[in-house]
N, C-alpha and C. Protein backbone atom coordinates (compact mmCIF):
# COMPACT_ATOMS: atom_id res chain seq x y z
N UNK A 1 0.84 -1.21 0.00
CA UNK A 1 0.00 0.00 0.00
C UNK A 1 0.87 1.25 0.00
N UNK A 2 1.96 1.21 0.82
CA UNK A 2 2.83 2.39 0.91
C UNK A 2 3.49 2.68 -0.42
N UNK A 3 3.98 1.61 -1.12
CA UNK A 3 4.64 1.82 -2.41
C UNK A 3 3.66 2.36 -3.44
N UNK A 4 2.40 1.91 -3.35
CA UNK A 4 1.37 2.42 -4.25
C UNK A 4 1.14 3.89 -4.03
N UNK A 5 1.07 4.31 -2.77
CA UNK A 5 0.87 5.72 -2.43
C UNK A 5 2.03 6.57 -2.92
N UNK A 6 3.26 6.05 -2.78
CA UNK A 6 4.43 6.79 -3.22
C UNK A 6 4.42 6.97 -4.74
N UNK A 7 4.04 5.90 -5.45
CA UNK A 7 3.96 5.99 -6.91
C UNK A 7 2.89 6.98 -7.32
N UNK A 8 1.77 6.95 -6.62
CA UNK A 8 0.68 7.87 -6.94
C UNK A 8 1.09 9.30 -6.65
N UNK A 9 1.81 9.51 -5.55
CA UNK A 9 2.26 10.85 -5.21
C UNK A 9 3.21 11.38 -6.28
N UNK A 10 4.05 10.50 -6.83
CA UNK A 10 4.97 10.92 -7.88
C UNK A 10 4.20 11.41 -9.10
N UNK A 11 3.11 10.72 -9.42
CA UNK A 11 2.27 11.12 -10.56
C UNK A 11 1.79 12.55 -10.38
N UNK A 12 1.36 12.88 -9.17
CA UNK A 12 0.80 14.21 -8.93
C UNK A 12 1.89 15.26 -8.75
N UNK A 13 2.97 14.93 -8.07
CA UNK A 13 4.01 15.92 -7.82
C UNK A 13 4.71 16.36 -9.10
N UNK A 14 4.73 15.49 -10.11
CA UNK A 14 5.36 15.88 -11.37
C UNK A 14 4.59 17.00 -12.05
N UNK A 15 3.32 17.16 -11.66
CA UNK A 15 2.50 18.22 -12.26
C UNK A 15 2.74 19.58 -11.61
N UNK A 16 3.57 19.61 -10.57
CA UNK A 16 3.83 20.88 -9.89
C UNK A 16 4.80 21.76 -10.66
N UNK A 17 5.93 21.19 -11.08
CA UNK A 17 6.94 22.00 -11.73
C UNK A 17 7.39 23.09 -10.77
N UNK A 18 7.45 24.32 -11.27
CA UNK A 18 7.90 25.44 -10.44
C UNK A 18 6.77 26.41 -10.15
N UNK A 19 5.53 25.94 -10.28
CA UNK A 19 4.39 26.81 -10.08
C UNK A 19 4.28 27.25 -8.63
N UNK A 20 4.13 28.54 -8.41
CA UNK A 20 3.92 29.06 -7.06
C UNK A 20 2.47 28.86 -6.67
N UNK A 21 2.25 28.50 -5.42
CA UNK A 21 0.90 28.23 -4.94
C UNK A 21 0.47 29.34 -3.99
N UNK A 22 -0.40 30.20 -4.46
CA UNK A 22 -0.86 31.32 -3.66
C UNK A 22 -2.16 30.98 -2.96
N UNK A 23 -2.16 31.07 -1.63
CA UNK A 23 -3.38 30.80 -0.88
C UNK A 23 -4.47 31.76 -1.32
N UNK A 24 -5.70 31.23 -1.38
CA UNK A 24 -6.82 32.07 -1.75
C UNK A 24 -7.08 32.12 -3.25
N UNK A 25 -6.16 31.55 -4.05
CA UNK A 25 -6.33 31.60 -5.50
C UNK A 25 -6.24 30.21 -6.13
N UNK A 26 -5.98 29.19 -5.33
CA UNK A 26 -5.72 27.86 -5.85
C UNK A 26 -7.01 27.06 -6.01
N UNK A 27 -7.30 26.62 -7.24
CA UNK A 27 -8.43 25.73 -7.47
C UNK A 27 -8.00 24.28 -7.39
N UNK A 28 -6.74 24.02 -7.67
CA UNK A 28 -6.15 22.69 -7.50
C UNK A 28 -4.64 22.87 -7.53
N UNK A 29 -3.90 22.19 -6.62
CA UNK A 29 -2.45 22.35 -6.59
C UNK A 29 -1.79 21.87 -7.88
N UNK A 30 -0.79 22.59 -8.36
CA UNK A 30 -0.05 22.17 -9.54
C UNK A 30 -0.76 22.51 -10.84
N UNK A 31 -0.32 21.87 -11.91
CA UNK A 31 -0.88 22.11 -13.24
C UNK A 31 -1.89 21.02 -13.58
N UNK A 32 -3.16 21.37 -13.66
CA UNK A 32 -4.21 20.39 -13.98
C UNK A 32 -4.06 19.84 -15.40
N UNK A 33 -3.75 20.68 -16.42
CA UNK A 33 -3.56 20.13 -17.77
C UNK A 33 -2.46 19.08 -17.83
N UNK A 34 -1.36 19.31 -17.10
CA UNK A 34 -0.26 18.34 -17.07
C UNK A 34 -0.71 17.08 -16.34
N UNK A 35 -1.36 17.25 -15.21
CA UNK A 35 -1.83 16.11 -14.42
C UNK A 35 -2.79 15.23 -15.22
N UNK A 36 -3.72 15.87 -15.94
CA UNK A 36 -4.73 15.12 -16.68
C UNK A 36 -4.19 14.52 -17.98
N UNK A 37 -2.90 14.71 -18.25
CA UNK A 37 -2.28 14.05 -19.38
C UNK A 37 -1.75 12.67 -18.98
N UNK A 38 -1.73 12.39 -17.67
CA UNK A 38 -1.25 11.11 -17.17
C UNK A 38 -2.28 10.02 -17.44
N UNK A 39 -1.84 8.90 -18.00
CA UNK A 39 -2.76 7.84 -18.40
C UNK A 39 -3.48 7.20 -17.21
N UNK A 40 -2.79 7.08 -16.08
CA UNK A 40 -3.43 6.49 -14.90
C UNK A 40 -4.58 7.37 -14.41
N UNK A 41 -4.36 8.67 -14.44
CA UNK A 41 -5.39 9.60 -14.00
C UNK A 41 -6.55 9.60 -14.99
N UNK A 42 -6.24 9.58 -16.28
CA UNK A 42 -7.29 9.55 -17.31
C UNK A 42 -8.16 8.30 -17.17
N UNK A 43 -7.51 7.18 -16.92
CA UNK A 43 -8.26 5.93 -16.77
C UNK A 43 -9.12 5.96 -15.52
N UNK A 44 -8.58 6.47 -14.42
CA UNK A 44 -9.33 6.51 -13.17
C UNK A 44 -10.55 7.42 -13.29
N UNK A 45 -10.39 8.54 -13.98
CA UNK A 45 -11.49 9.49 -14.14
C UNK A 45 -12.42 9.12 -15.30
N UNK A 46 -12.04 8.07 -16.06
CA UNK A 46 -12.83 7.61 -17.22
C UNK A 46 -13.07 8.76 -18.21
N UNK A 47 -11.99 9.45 -18.58
CA UNK A 47 -12.12 10.55 -19.54
C UNK A 47 -12.47 10.01 -20.92
N UNK A 48 -13.29 10.73 -21.64
CA UNK A 48 -13.67 10.33 -23.00
C UNK A 48 -12.57 10.75 -23.97
N UNK A 49 -12.65 10.21 -25.19
CA UNK A 49 -11.68 10.56 -26.22
C UNK A 49 -11.73 12.05 -26.53
N UNK A 50 -12.94 12.58 -26.57
CA UNK A 50 -13.11 14.01 -26.85
C UNK A 50 -12.48 14.85 -25.75
N UNK A 51 -12.66 14.45 -24.50
CA UNK A 51 -12.06 15.19 -23.39
C UNK A 51 -10.54 15.14 -23.48
N UNK A 52 -9.99 13.98 -23.82
CA UNK A 52 -8.54 13.83 -23.92
C UNK A 52 -7.96 14.73 -25.01
N UNK A 53 -8.64 14.79 -26.15
CA UNK A 53 -8.18 15.65 -27.25
C UNK A 53 -8.16 17.11 -26.80
N UNK A 54 -9.23 17.53 -26.13
CA UNK A 54 -9.32 18.91 -25.65
C UNK A 54 -8.25 19.21 -24.62
N UNK A 55 -8.02 18.26 -23.71
CA UNK A 55 -7.02 18.46 -22.66
C UNK A 55 -5.60 18.42 -23.21
N UNK A 56 -5.36 17.61 -24.23
CA UNK A 56 -4.04 17.58 -24.87
C UNK A 56 -3.73 18.94 -25.50
N UNK A 57 -4.73 19.55 -26.10
CA UNK A 57 -4.55 20.86 -26.71
C UNK A 57 -4.26 21.91 -25.63
N UNK A 58 -4.98 21.83 -24.53
CA UNK A 58 -4.75 22.75 -23.42
C UNK A 58 -3.34 22.60 -22.86
N UNK A 59 -2.91 21.37 -22.69
CA UNK A 59 -1.58 21.11 -22.14
C UNK A 59 -0.50 21.68 -23.04
N UNK A 60 -0.62 21.47 -24.36
CA UNK A 60 0.37 21.98 -25.29
C UNK A 60 0.42 23.51 -25.26
N UNK A 61 -0.74 24.14 -25.24
CA UNK A 61 -0.81 25.60 -25.18
C UNK A 61 -0.22 26.12 -23.87
N UNK A 62 -0.53 25.43 -22.78
CA UNK A 62 -0.03 25.84 -21.47
C UNK A 62 1.50 25.77 -21.41
N UNK A 63 2.07 24.65 -21.87
CA UNK A 63 3.51 24.47 -21.82
C UNK A 63 4.22 25.49 -22.71
N UNK A 64 3.62 25.79 -23.86
CA UNK A 64 4.21 26.78 -24.76
C UNK A 64 4.22 28.16 -24.11
N UNK A 65 3.10 28.54 -23.49
CA UNK A 65 3.01 29.84 -22.83
C UNK A 65 3.95 29.93 -21.63
N UNK A 66 4.06 28.82 -20.89
CA UNK A 66 4.94 28.81 -19.72
C UNK A 66 6.40 28.95 -20.14
N UNK A 67 6.78 28.30 -21.24
CA UNK A 67 8.16 28.41 -21.72
C UNK A 67 8.50 29.84 -22.12
N UNK A 68 7.54 30.55 -22.69
CA UNK A 68 7.78 31.93 -23.09
C UNK A 68 8.08 32.80 -21.87
N UNK A 69 7.41 32.51 -20.75
CA UNK A 69 7.64 33.28 -19.52
C UNK A 69 8.98 32.93 -18.90
N UNK A 70 9.26 31.61 -18.78
CA UNK A 70 10.50 31.18 -18.12
C UNK A 70 11.74 31.48 -18.96
N UNK A 71 11.57 31.58 -20.28
CA UNK A 71 12.72 31.85 -21.15
C UNK A 71 13.31 33.23 -20.91
N UNK A 72 12.53 34.15 -20.34
CA UNK A 72 13.01 35.50 -20.08
C UNK A 72 14.09 35.52 -19.00
N UNK A 73 14.00 34.57 -18.04
CA UNK A 73 15.02 34.39 -17.01
C UNK A 73 15.52 35.71 -16.40
N UNK A 74 14.67 36.49 -15.73
CA UNK A 74 15.09 37.75 -15.12
C UNK A 74 16.18 37.54 -14.07
N UNK A 75 17.12 38.47 -13.99
CA UNK A 75 18.26 38.30 -13.09
C UNK A 75 18.16 39.16 -11.83
N UNK A 76 16.96 39.65 -11.51
CA UNK A 76 16.80 40.44 -10.29
C UNK A 76 15.50 40.04 -9.59
N UNK A 77 15.39 40.39 -8.31
CA UNK A 77 14.26 39.96 -7.50
C UNK A 77 12.93 40.47 -8.04
N UNK A 78 12.92 41.72 -8.50
CA UNK A 78 11.68 42.31 -9.02
C UNK A 78 11.23 41.56 -10.28
N UNK A 79 12.18 41.28 -11.15
CA UNK A 79 11.86 40.56 -12.38
C UNK A 79 11.38 39.15 -12.10
N UNK A 80 12.02 38.48 -11.14
CA UNK A 80 11.62 37.11 -10.81
C UNK A 80 10.23 37.09 -10.19
N UNK A 81 9.95 38.09 -9.37
CA UNK A 81 8.63 38.17 -8.75
C UNK A 81 7.55 38.36 -9.82
N UNK A 82 7.85 39.21 -10.81
CA UNK A 82 6.89 39.44 -11.89
C UNK A 82 6.69 38.17 -12.71
N UNK A 83 7.78 37.43 -12.95
CA UNK A 83 7.69 36.18 -13.72
C UNK A 83 6.87 35.15 -12.95
N UNK A 84 7.09 35.07 -11.63
CA UNK A 84 6.33 34.13 -10.80
C UNK A 84 4.84 34.46 -10.83
N UNK A 85 4.53 35.74 -10.79
CA UNK A 85 3.13 36.16 -10.82
C UNK A 85 2.50 35.83 -12.18
N UNK A 86 3.28 36.03 -13.25
CA UNK A 86 2.77 35.70 -14.58
C UNK A 86 2.52 34.20 -14.71
N UNK A 87 3.41 33.39 -14.14
CA UNK A 87 3.22 31.94 -14.16
C UNK A 87 2.01 31.54 -13.32
N UNK A 88 1.83 32.20 -12.19
CA UNK A 88 0.68 31.89 -11.34
C UNK A 88 -0.62 32.17 -12.06
N UNK A 89 -0.70 33.33 -12.71
CA UNK A 89 -1.91 33.69 -13.44
C UNK A 89 -2.15 32.74 -14.61
N UNK A 90 -1.06 32.38 -15.30
CA UNK A 90 -1.18 31.43 -16.41
C UNK A 90 -1.70 30.09 -15.91
N UNK A 91 -1.13 29.61 -14.81
CA UNK A 91 -1.53 28.33 -14.24
C UNK A 91 -3.00 28.34 -13.82
N UNK A 92 -3.41 29.43 -13.17
CA UNK A 92 -4.80 29.54 -12.72
C UNK A 92 -5.76 29.53 -13.90
N UNK A 93 -5.39 30.21 -14.97
CA UNK A 93 -6.25 30.31 -16.15
C UNK A 93 -6.41 28.95 -16.84
N UNK A 94 -5.30 28.24 -17.01
CA UNK A 94 -5.37 26.94 -17.67
C UNK A 94 -5.94 25.86 -16.76
N UNK A 95 -5.73 25.98 -15.45
CA UNK A 95 -6.35 25.04 -14.52
C UNK A 95 -7.87 25.16 -14.60
N UNK A 96 -8.36 26.39 -14.62
CA UNK A 96 -9.81 26.62 -14.70
C UNK A 96 -10.38 26.02 -15.98
N UNK A 97 -9.66 26.18 -17.09
CA UNK A 97 -10.12 25.64 -18.37
C UNK A 97 -10.14 24.11 -18.34
N UNK A 98 -9.11 23.51 -17.74
CA UNK A 98 -9.04 22.04 -17.68
C UNK A 98 -10.13 21.48 -16.77
N UNK A 99 -10.35 22.13 -15.64
CA UNK A 99 -11.39 21.67 -14.72
C UNK A 99 -12.78 21.80 -15.33
N UNK A 100 -12.96 22.81 -16.16
CA UNK A 100 -14.24 23.03 -16.83
C UNK A 100 -14.55 21.90 -17.82
N UNK A 101 -13.51 21.24 -18.31
CA UNK A 101 -13.69 20.15 -19.26
C UNK A 101 -14.18 18.87 -18.60
N UNK A 102 -14.13 18.82 -17.26
CA UNK A 102 -14.55 17.63 -16.53
C UNK A 102 -16.02 17.70 -16.14
N UNK A 103 -16.61 16.53 -15.96
CA UNK A 103 -17.97 16.48 -15.43
C UNK A 103 -17.90 16.68 -13.92
N UNK A 104 -19.05 16.89 -13.29
CA UNK A 104 -19.08 17.08 -11.84
C UNK A 104 -18.52 15.86 -11.12
N UNK A 105 -18.86 14.68 -11.61
CA UNK A 105 -18.36 13.45 -11.00
C UNK A 105 -16.86 13.30 -11.15
N UNK A 106 -16.33 13.64 -12.32
CA UNK A 106 -14.89 13.57 -12.54
C UNK A 106 -14.15 14.58 -11.68
N UNK A 107 -14.76 15.74 -11.52
CA UNK A 107 -14.15 16.79 -10.69
C UNK A 107 -14.07 16.32 -9.24
N UNK A 108 -15.13 15.68 -8.77
CA UNK A 108 -15.14 15.16 -7.41
C UNK A 108 -14.08 14.07 -7.23
N UNK A 109 -13.98 13.20 -8.23
CA UNK A 109 -12.99 12.13 -8.15
C UNK A 109 -11.58 12.68 -8.16
N UNK A 110 -11.33 13.73 -8.93
CA UNK A 110 -10.00 14.34 -8.96
C UNK A 110 -9.62 14.85 -7.57
N UNK A 111 -10.57 15.43 -6.87
CA UNK A 111 -10.33 15.87 -5.50
C UNK A 111 -9.97 14.68 -4.61
N UNK A 112 -10.70 13.57 -4.75
CA UNK A 112 -10.44 12.39 -3.93
C UNK A 112 -9.04 11.86 -4.15
N UNK A 113 -8.64 11.77 -5.41
CA UNK A 113 -7.30 11.29 -5.74
C UNK A 113 -6.24 12.27 -5.21
N UNK A 114 -6.55 13.55 -5.31
CA UNK A 114 -5.64 14.56 -4.78
C UNK A 114 -5.44 14.41 -3.28
N UNK A 115 -6.51 14.11 -2.56
CA UNK A 115 -6.39 13.92 -1.11
C UNK A 115 -5.51 12.72 -0.79
N UNK A 116 -5.58 11.68 -1.60
CA UNK A 116 -4.78 10.48 -1.37
C UNK A 116 -3.31 10.71 -1.64
N UNK A 117 -3.00 11.48 -2.66
CA UNK A 117 -1.62 11.60 -3.13
C UNK A 117 -0.90 12.87 -2.68
N UNK A 118 -1.65 13.94 -2.48
CA UNK A 118 -1.02 15.22 -2.13
C UNK A 118 -1.15 15.57 -0.66
N UNK A 119 -2.06 14.89 0.04
CA UNK A 119 -2.19 15.13 1.47
C UNK A 119 -2.44 16.59 1.81
N UNK A 120 -1.54 17.16 2.60
CA UNK A 120 -1.70 18.52 3.10
C UNK A 120 -1.72 19.59 2.05
N UNK A 121 -1.16 19.32 0.87
CA UNK A 121 -1.12 20.33 -0.18
C UNK A 121 -2.52 20.71 -0.67
N UNK A 122 -3.48 19.81 -0.47
CA UNK A 122 -4.86 20.12 -0.84
C UNK A 122 -5.44 21.24 0.03
N UNK A 123 -4.78 21.52 1.16
CA UNK A 123 -5.26 22.58 2.06
C UNK A 123 -4.93 23.98 1.53
N UNK A 124 -4.25 24.06 0.38
CA UNK A 124 -4.07 25.35 -0.27
C UNK A 124 -5.37 25.81 -0.93
N UNK A 125 -6.30 24.89 -1.10
CA UNK A 125 -7.56 25.20 -1.78
C UNK A 125 -8.56 25.77 -0.78
N UNK A 126 -9.04 26.99 -1.01
CA UNK A 126 -9.97 27.63 -0.06
C UNK A 126 -11.21 26.80 0.24
N UNK A 127 -11.79 26.14 -0.78
CA UNK A 127 -13.02 25.37 -0.51
C UNK A 127 -12.75 24.17 0.38
N UNK A 128 -11.52 23.61 0.32
CA UNK A 128 -11.16 22.51 1.22
C UNK A 128 -10.95 23.05 2.63
N UNK A 129 -10.35 24.24 2.72
CA UNK A 129 -10.20 24.88 4.03
C UNK A 129 -11.57 25.09 4.67
N UNK A 130 -12.53 25.49 3.83
CA UNK A 130 -13.89 25.72 4.32
C UNK A 130 -14.55 24.44 4.80
N UNK A 131 -14.37 23.35 4.07
CA UNK A 131 -14.96 22.07 4.45
C UNK A 131 -14.44 21.58 5.80
N UNK A 132 -13.17 21.87 6.07
CA UNK A 132 -12.56 21.44 7.33
C UNK A 132 -12.72 22.47 8.45
N UNK A 133 -13.38 23.59 8.13
CA UNK A 133 -13.63 24.65 9.12
C UNK A 133 -12.33 25.13 9.77
N UNK A 134 -11.35 25.43 8.95
CA UNK A 134 -10.07 25.93 9.48
C UNK A 134 -10.27 27.29 10.12
N UNK A 135 -9.53 27.52 11.19
CA UNK A 135 -9.56 28.82 11.86
C UNK A 135 -8.67 29.80 11.10
N UNK A 136 -8.80 31.08 11.41
CA UNK A 136 -7.94 32.09 10.78
C UNK A 136 -6.48 31.82 11.11
N UNK A 137 -6.23 31.34 12.33
CA UNK A 137 -4.86 31.03 12.73
C UNK A 137 -4.28 29.89 11.91
N UNK A 138 -5.09 28.87 11.65
CA UNK A 138 -4.62 27.75 10.84
C UNK A 138 -4.36 28.17 9.40
N UNK A 139 -5.25 28.99 8.86
CA UNK A 139 -5.07 29.47 7.49
C UNK A 139 -3.81 30.33 7.38
N UNK A 140 -3.55 31.14 8.39
CA UNK A 140 -2.33 31.97 8.40
C UNK A 140 -1.08 31.10 8.45
N UNK A 141 -1.14 30.02 9.24
CA UNK A 141 0.00 29.11 9.35
C UNK A 141 0.27 28.42 8.01
N UNK A 142 -0.80 28.04 7.31
CA UNK A 142 -0.65 27.40 6.01
C UNK A 142 -0.10 28.39 4.98
N UNK A 143 -0.55 29.65 5.07
CA UNK A 143 -0.04 30.68 4.17
C UNK A 143 1.46 30.90 4.40
N UNK A 144 1.90 30.82 5.65
CA UNK A 144 3.33 30.98 5.95
C UNK A 144 4.12 29.84 5.32
N UNK A 145 3.60 28.63 5.42
CA UNK A 145 4.26 27.47 4.82
C UNK A 145 4.32 27.61 3.30
N UNK A 146 3.22 28.13 2.72
CA UNK A 146 3.21 28.37 1.28
C UNK A 146 4.29 29.36 0.88
N UNK A 147 4.42 30.43 1.66
CA UNK A 147 5.43 31.44 1.37
C UNK A 147 6.84 30.88 1.44
N UNK A 148 7.09 30.01 2.41
CA UNK A 148 8.40 29.36 2.52
C UNK A 148 8.68 28.51 1.27
N UNK A 149 7.63 27.85 0.79
CA UNK A 149 7.78 27.03 -0.41
C UNK A 149 8.09 27.85 -1.64
N UNK A 150 7.45 29.01 -1.74
CA UNK A 150 7.69 29.89 -2.88
C UNK A 150 9.13 30.38 -2.88
N UNK A 151 9.64 30.73 -1.71
CA UNK A 151 11.03 31.19 -1.61
C UNK A 151 12.00 30.07 -1.96
N UNK A 152 11.69 28.86 -1.49
CA UNK A 152 12.56 27.71 -1.79
C UNK A 152 12.56 27.41 -3.29
N UNK A 153 11.38 27.43 -3.90
CA UNK A 153 11.27 27.15 -5.33
C UNK A 153 12.05 28.18 -6.14
N UNK A 154 11.97 29.44 -5.73
CA UNK A 154 12.70 30.50 -6.43
C UNK A 154 14.20 30.26 -6.34
N UNK A 155 14.67 29.84 -5.17
CA UNK A 155 16.10 29.57 -4.96
C UNK A 155 16.57 28.41 -5.84
N UNK A 156 15.78 27.34 -5.86
CA UNK A 156 16.14 26.17 -6.66
C UNK A 156 16.12 26.50 -8.15
N UNK A 157 15.11 27.23 -8.59
CA UNK A 157 15.00 27.57 -10.01
C UNK A 157 16.14 28.47 -10.46
N UNK A 158 16.56 29.39 -9.58
CA UNK A 158 17.68 30.26 -9.93
C UNK A 158 18.97 29.45 -10.05
N UNK A 159 19.13 28.46 -9.16
CA UNK A 159 20.32 27.61 -9.22
C UNK A 159 20.36 26.83 -10.53
N UNK A 160 19.19 26.39 -10.97
CA UNK A 160 19.10 25.66 -12.23
C UNK A 160 19.42 26.58 -13.41
N UNK A 161 18.85 27.77 -13.40
CA UNK A 161 19.07 28.72 -14.48
C UNK A 161 20.53 29.16 -14.57
N UNK A 162 21.22 29.19 -13.42
CA UNK A 162 22.62 29.59 -13.39
C UNK A 162 23.57 28.44 -13.67
N UNK A 163 23.02 27.24 -13.94
CA UNK A 163 23.86 26.09 -14.25
C UNK A 163 24.49 25.43 -13.03
N UNK A 164 24.00 25.78 -11.83
CA UNK A 164 24.58 25.22 -10.60
C UNK A 164 24.05 23.81 -10.32
N UNK A 165 22.85 23.50 -10.80
CA UNK A 165 22.27 22.16 -10.64
C UNK A 165 21.64 21.75 -11.97
N UNK A 166 21.46 20.44 -12.16
CA UNK A 166 20.84 19.95 -13.38
C UNK A 166 19.33 19.85 -13.26
N UNK A 167 18.68 19.47 -14.35
CA UNK A 167 17.22 19.38 -14.37
C UNK A 167 16.71 18.34 -13.38
N UNK A 168 17.37 17.18 -13.33
CA UNK A 168 16.91 16.12 -12.42
C UNK A 168 16.98 16.57 -10.97
N UNK A 169 18.10 17.21 -10.60
CA UNK A 169 18.25 17.69 -9.23
C UNK A 169 17.22 18.76 -8.91
N UNK A 170 16.94 19.61 -9.88
CA UNK A 170 15.93 20.66 -9.68
C UNK A 170 14.57 20.05 -9.38
N UNK A 171 14.14 19.10 -10.22
CA UNK A 171 12.83 18.49 -10.04
C UNK A 171 12.74 17.70 -8.74
N UNK A 172 13.81 16.96 -8.42
CA UNK A 172 13.80 16.17 -7.19
C UNK A 172 13.78 17.06 -5.94
N UNK A 173 14.49 18.18 -6.01
CA UNK A 173 14.49 19.12 -4.88
C UNK A 173 13.10 19.70 -4.65
N UNK A 174 12.43 20.06 -5.74
CA UNK A 174 11.09 20.63 -5.63
C UNK A 174 10.08 19.59 -5.15
N UNK A 175 10.20 18.36 -5.63
CA UNK A 175 9.28 17.31 -5.19
C UNK A 175 9.50 16.99 -3.71
N UNK A 176 10.77 16.92 -3.29
CA UNK A 176 11.08 16.63 -1.88
C UNK A 176 10.50 17.72 -0.99
N UNK A 177 10.58 18.97 -1.45
CA UNK A 177 10.02 20.06 -0.65
C UNK A 177 8.51 19.95 -0.56
N UNK A 178 7.85 19.57 -1.64
CA UNK A 178 6.39 19.43 -1.60
C UNK A 178 5.97 18.39 -0.57
N UNK A 179 6.73 17.29 -0.48
CA UNK A 179 6.43 16.25 0.51
C UNK A 179 6.58 16.83 1.92
N UNK A 180 7.67 17.55 2.15
CA UNK A 180 7.90 18.17 3.45
C UNK A 180 6.83 19.20 3.75
N UNK A 181 6.45 19.95 2.73
CA UNK A 181 5.42 20.98 2.87
C UNK A 181 4.09 20.37 3.29
N UNK A 182 3.73 19.25 2.68
CA UNK A 182 2.50 18.55 3.03
C UNK A 182 2.51 18.12 4.49
N UNK A 183 3.63 17.58 4.93
CA UNK A 183 3.75 17.12 6.31
C UNK A 183 3.59 18.27 7.30
N UNK A 184 4.19 19.41 6.97
CA UNK A 184 4.09 20.58 7.85
C UNK A 184 2.66 21.09 7.94
N UNK A 185 1.96 21.07 6.81
CA UNK A 185 0.57 21.53 6.79
C UNK A 185 -0.31 20.62 7.63
N UNK A 186 -0.12 19.31 7.50
CA UNK A 186 -0.95 18.36 8.24
C UNK A 186 -0.79 18.53 9.75
N UNK A 187 0.38 18.99 10.17
CA UNK A 187 0.59 19.20 11.62
C UNK A 187 -0.20 20.38 12.15
N UNK A 188 -0.70 21.22 11.25
CA UNK A 188 -1.51 22.37 11.65
C UNK A 188 -2.93 21.93 12.04
N UNK A 189 -3.37 20.79 11.50
CA UNK A 189 -4.74 20.32 11.71
C UNK A 189 -4.95 19.66 13.07
N UNK A 190 -6.18 19.70 13.53
CA UNK A 190 -6.56 18.96 14.73
C UNK A 190 -6.79 17.50 14.35
N UNK A 191 -6.91 16.64 15.33
CA UNK A 191 -7.16 15.22 15.05
C UNK A 191 -8.48 15.05 14.31
N UNK A 192 -9.49 15.79 14.73
CA UNK A 192 -10.80 15.69 14.09
C UNK A 192 -10.74 16.13 12.63
N UNK A 193 -9.98 17.18 12.35
CA UNK A 193 -9.84 17.66 10.98
C UNK A 193 -9.09 16.64 10.12
N UNK A 194 -8.09 15.98 10.70
CA UNK A 194 -7.37 14.94 9.97
C UNK A 194 -8.29 13.78 9.64
N UNK A 195 -9.16 13.43 10.59
CA UNK A 195 -10.12 12.36 10.35
C UNK A 195 -11.07 12.73 9.21
N UNK A 196 -11.51 13.97 9.20
CA UNK A 196 -12.41 14.45 8.13
C UNK A 196 -11.69 14.43 6.79
N UNK A 197 -10.41 14.77 6.79
CA UNK A 197 -9.62 14.78 5.56
C UNK A 197 -9.51 13.37 4.99
N UNK A 198 -9.33 12.38 5.87
CA UNK A 198 -9.24 11.00 5.40
C UNK A 198 -10.54 10.52 4.76
N UNK A 199 -11.65 11.01 5.27
CA UNK A 199 -12.96 10.62 4.72
C UNK A 199 -13.18 11.17 3.31
N UNK A 200 -12.40 12.18 2.94
CA UNK A 200 -12.53 12.79 1.62
C UNK A 200 -11.78 12.02 0.53
N UNK A 201 -11.07 10.95 0.88
CA UNK A 201 -10.19 10.26 -0.06
C UNK A 201 -10.93 9.39 -1.07
N UNK A 202 -12.06 8.82 -0.70
CA UNK A 202 -12.79 7.97 -1.62
C UNK A 202 -12.08 6.66 -1.91
N UNK A 203 -12.42 6.04 -3.04
CA UNK A 203 -11.82 4.77 -3.43
C UNK A 203 -10.34 4.92 -3.76
N UNK A 204 -9.55 3.90 -3.46
CA UNK A 204 -8.11 3.97 -3.66
C UNK A 204 -7.73 4.22 -5.12
N UNK A 205 -6.82 5.15 -5.33
CA UNK A 205 -6.28 5.44 -6.65
C UNK A 205 -5.10 4.51 -6.91
N UNK A 206 -5.12 3.79 -8.02
CA UNK A 206 -4.06 2.83 -8.33
C UNK A 206 -3.37 3.22 -9.63
N UNK A 207 -2.21 3.86 -9.53
CA UNK A 207 -1.49 4.25 -10.75
C UNK A 207 -0.96 3.02 -11.47
N UNK A 208 -0.84 3.11 -12.78
CA UNK A 208 -0.35 1.99 -13.58
C UNK A 208 1.12 1.75 -13.32
């Protein structure tokens, strides 16, 4: 079971890339078009051929637009902040379009799979915060963790752009941080909230 969860988590974490996660604006962590290109996810959600064609087009457009932003590679804090914001807005726009392509049932199932594989990272989503009745203090703590992640991602991405680390090291560093980030977020919850979170998981997701 543990190895299955780890494999499933890898499927979802690969959809993160270097996207910054801003509390209050997240409809789903990471890139939904990239995530929905995974065959295991498509099979689990029972996507139709027409949906897959539409999502493939969205993914290609998203990656092309993201490359245009990252290719600028600003060398100062102000420029990097502007690039991060542009990526965030791009991600939010394409996530909304990808989610709109799903049926209500598929959307619900995507949430369930997300709870199984991403754990605490799902708490970046305001509607999930609402379901768990998080206090203002808990939301502030999660926002602080999000901010730490954004700073870490910026540091890792700059190291990659400067040739200090390779692509594999960059991706593994970001994925490792997401795992740590999830663990830190879960520690913010009460036992009752953790129990409620587990009930949101639904049927087990089994990646190929």
